[in-house]
């Protein structure tokens, strides 16, 4: 992994500035880094998550894996097949989803 000379120079500049100024310039350096690096980084991550959520479909076909949704005994509430916090849109039963529009 190679580091560009510009990034290396910027890192050295920040290191020298914080070392030579003692404790006086530390708050200013972190304030500048927050505005230049942290806030734009958070904004880019939020934009990426938003764009991914717009393009991806969360619907998937039901695959009845043998090791998932094993019911050795019935749940003590309801019909015994639904968990306590069952959501018919996101939680499949052992034989598949309840609604056909999933």
C-alpha atoms as a PDB file:
ATOM      1  CA  UNK A   1       0.000   0.000   0.000  1.00  0.00           C
ATOM      2  CA  UNK A   2       1.638   3.198  -1.114  1.00  0.00           C
ATOM      3  CA  UNK A   3       0.980   6.611   0.339  1.00  0.00           C
ATOM      4  CA  UNK A   4       1.092   9.604  -1.961  1.00  0.00           C
ATOM      5  CA  UNK A   5       3.713  12.242  -1.262  1.00  0.00           C
ATOM      6  CA  UNK A   6       1.002  14.880  -0.819  1.00  0.00           C
ATOM      7  CA  UNK A   7      -0.727  12.897   1.911  1.00  0.00           C
ATOM      8  CA  UNK A   8       2.602  12.198   3.575  1.00  0.00           C
ATOM      9  CA  UNK A   9       3.527  15.887   3.471  1.00  0.00           C
ATOM     10  CA  UNK A  10       0.153  16.882   4.905  1.00  0.00           C
ATOM     11  CA  UNK A  11       0.583  14.381   7.717  1.00  0.00           C
ATOM     12  CA  UNK A  12       4.056  15.683   8.481  1.00  0.00           C
ATOM     13  CA  UNK A  13       2.785  19.271   8.407  1.00  0.00           C
ATOM     14  CA  UNK A  14       0.064  18.458  10.951  1.00  0.00           C
ATOM     15  CA  UNK A  15       2.537  16.557  13.125  1.00  0.00           C
ATOM     16  CA  UNK A  16       5.067  19.387  13.064  1.00  0.00           C
ATOM     17  CA  UNK A  17       2.374  22.007  13.707  1.00  0.00           C
ATOM     18  CA  UNK A  18       1.071  20.186  16.740  1.00  0.00           C
ATOM     19  CA  UNK A  19       4.546  19.379  18.090  1.00  0.00           C
ATOM     20  CA  UNK A  20       6.043  22.854  17.686  1.00  0.00           C
ATOM     21  CA  UNK A  21       3.009  24.755  18.961  1.00  0.00           C
ATOM     22  CA  UNK A  22       2.760  22.737  22.153  1.00  0.00           C
ATOM     23  CA  UNK A  23      -0.779  22.611  23.471  1.00  0.00           C
ATOM     24  CA  UNK A  24      -1.954  25.909  22.034  1.00  0.00           C
ATOM     25  CA  UNK A  25      -2.661  24.727  18.469  1.00  0.00           C
ATOM     26  CA  UNK A  26      -4.223  21.371  19.317  1.00  0.00           C
ATOM     27  CA  UNK A  27      -7.812  22.542  19.491  1.00  0.00           C
ATOM     28  CA  UNK A  28      -7.453  24.546  16.270  1.00  0.00           C
ATOM     29  CA  UNK A  29      -5.940  21.542  14.465  1.00  0.00           C
ATOM     30  CA  UNK A  30      -8.761  19.236  15.554  1.00  0.00           C
ATOM     31  CA  UNK A  31     -11.365  21.844  14.656  1.00  0.00           C
ATOM     32  CA  UNK A  32      -9.917  22.157  11.148  1.00  0.00           C
ATOM     33  CA  UNK A  33      -9.715  18.362  10.798  1.00  0.00           C
ATOM     34  CA  UNK A  34     -13.333  18.036  11.914  1.00  0.00           C
ATOM     35  CA  UNK A  35     -14.566  20.461   9.278  1.00  0.00           C
ATOM     36  CA  UNK A  36     -12.262  19.261   6.488  1.00  0.00           C
ATOM     37  CA  UNK A  37     -12.294  15.483   7.054  1.00  0.00           C
ATOM     38  CA  UNK A  38     -14.991  14.315   9.467  1.00  0.00           C
ATOM     39  CA  UNK A  39     -18.065  16.237   8.305  1.00  0.00           C
ATOM     40  CA  UNK A  40     -17.478  15.619   4.579  1.00  0.00           C
ATOM     41  CA  UNK A  41     -16.796  11.958   5.358  1.00  0.00           C
ATOM     42  CA  UNK A  42     -20.095  11.610   7.206  1.00  0.00           C
ATOM     43  CA  UNK A  43     -21.894  13.411   4.367  1.00  0.00           C
ATOM     44  CA  UNK A  44     -20.397  11.044   1.766  1.00  0.00           C
ATOM     45  CA  UNK A  45     -21.383   7.994   3.838  1.00  0.00           C
ATOM     46  CA  UNK A  46     -24.947   9.283   4.223  1.00  0.00           C
ATOM     47  CA  UNK A  47     -25.211   9.963   0.479  1.00  0.00           C
ATOM     48  CA  UNK A  48     -23.885   6.468  -0.273  1.00  0.00           C
ATOM     49  CA  UNK A  49     -26.403   4.828   2.067  1.00  0.00           C
ATOM     50  CA  UNK A  50     -29.259   6.861   0.575  1.00  0.00           C
ATOM     51  CA  UNK A  51     -28.307   5.984  -3.008  1.00  0.00           C
ATOM     52  CA  UNK A  52     -27.957   2.284  -2.140  1.00  0.00           C
ATOM     53  CA  UNK A  53     -31.370   2.247  -0.473  1.00  0.00           C
ATOM     54  CA  UNK A  54     -32.954   3.837  -3.551  1.00  0.00           C
ATOM     55  CA  UNK A  55     -31.518   1.293  -5.992  1.00  0.00           C
ATOM     56  CA  UNK A  56     -31.642  -1.984  -4.091  1.00  0.00           C
ATOM     57  CA  UNK A  57     -34.725  -4.096  -3.717  1.00  0.00           C
ATOM     58  CA  UNK A  58     -35.086  -5.723  -0.300  1.00  0.00           C
ATOM     59  CA  UNK A  59     -37.374  -8.421  -1.545  1.00  0.00           C
ATOM     60  CA  UNK A  60     -35.917 -11.890  -1.801  1.00  0.00           C
ATOM     61  CA  UNK A  61     -37.300 -15.279  -2.638  1.00  0.00           C
ATOM     62  CA  UNK A  62     -37.914 -17.674   0.206  1.00  0.00           C
ATOM     63  CA  UNK A  63     -35.385 -20.508   0.418  1.00  0.00           C
ATOM     64  CA  UNK A  64     -36.407 -23.243   2.885  1.00  0.00           C
ATOM     65  CA  UNK A  65     -33.037 -24.046   4.488  1.00  0.00           C
ATOM     66  CA  UNK A  66     -33.286 -27.088   6.736  1.00  0.00           C
ATOM     67  CA  UNK A  67     -31.272 -25.546   9.595  1.00  0.00           C
ATOM     68  CA  UNK A  68     -33.412 -22.390   9.904  1.00  0.00           C
ATOM     69  CA  UNK A  69     -36.839 -21.915  11.509  1.00  0.00           C
ATOM     70  CA  UNK A  70     -36.806 -25.285  13.291  1.00  0.00           C
ATOM     71  CA  UNK A  71     -39.864 -25.707  15.520  1.00  0.00           C
ATOM     72  CA  UNK A  72     -39.352 -28.517  18.032  1.00  0.00           C
ATOM     73  CA  UNK A  73     -42.355 -27.414  20.082  1.00  0.00           C
ATOM     74  CA  UNK A  74     -45.089 -24.832  19.643  1.00  0.00           C
ATOM     75  CA  UNK A  75     -44.815 -21.305  21.009  1.00  0.00           C
ATOM     76  CA  UNK A  76     -46.977 -20.869  24.134  1.00  0.00           C
ATOM     77  CA  UNK A  77     -49.030 -18.031  22.544  1.00  0.00           C
ATOM     78  CA  UNK A  78     -51.309 -17.720  19.563  1.00  0.00           C
ATOM     79  CA  UNK A  79     -51.364 -20.604  17.109  1.00  0.00           C
ATOM     80  CA  UNK A  80     -47.886 -21.754  18.217  1.00  0.00           C
ATOM     81  CA  UNK A  81     -46.251 -21.081  14.855  1.00  0.00           C
ATOM     82  CA  UNK A  82     -45.692 -17.314  15.109  1.00  0.00           C
ATOM     83  CA  UNK A  83     -42.974 -15.825  17.318  1.00  0.00           C
ATOM     84  CA  UNK A  84     -43.905 -13.230  19.939  1.00  0.00           C
ATOM     85  CA  UNK A  85     -42.898 -10.252  17.776  1.00  0.00           C
ATOM     86  CA  UNK A  86     -43.862 -11.752  14.432  1.00  0.00           C
ATOM     87  CA  UNK A  87     -43.985  -9.481  11.377  1.00  0.00           C
ATOM     88  CA  UNK A  88     -45.638 -11.210   8.404  1.00  0.00           C
ATOM     89  CA  UNK A  89     -43.749  -9.058   5.899  1.00  0.00           C
ATOM     90  CA  UNK A  90     -40.218  -9.746   7.167  1.00  0.00           C
ATOM     91  CA  UNK A  91     -40.416 -12.953   9.231  1.00  0.00           C
ATOM     92  CA  UNK A  92     -41.139 -16.119   7.261  1.00  0.00           C
ATOM     93  CA  UNK A  93     -42.760 -19.182   8.754  1.00  0.00           C
ATOM     94  CA  UNK A  94     -41.117 -22.589   8.216  1.00  0.00           C
ATOM     95  CA  UNK A  95     -43.064 -23.034   4.980  1.00  0.00           C
ATOM     96  CA  UNK A  96     -42.588 -19.492   3.618  1.00  0.00           C
ATOM     97  CA  UNK A  97     -43.964 -15.974   3.866  1.00  0.00           C
ATOM     98  CA  UNK A  98     -47.610 -15.457   4.773  1.00  0.00           C
ATOM     99  CA  UNK A  99     -48.355 -12.712   2.254  1.00  0.00           C
ATOM    100  CA  UNK A 100     -48.030 -13.257  -1.467  1.00  0.00           C
ATOM    101  CA  UNK A 101     -46.878  -9.682  -2.212  1.00  0.00           C
ATOM    102  CA  UNK A 102     -43.472 -10.164  -0.571  1.00  0.00           C
END
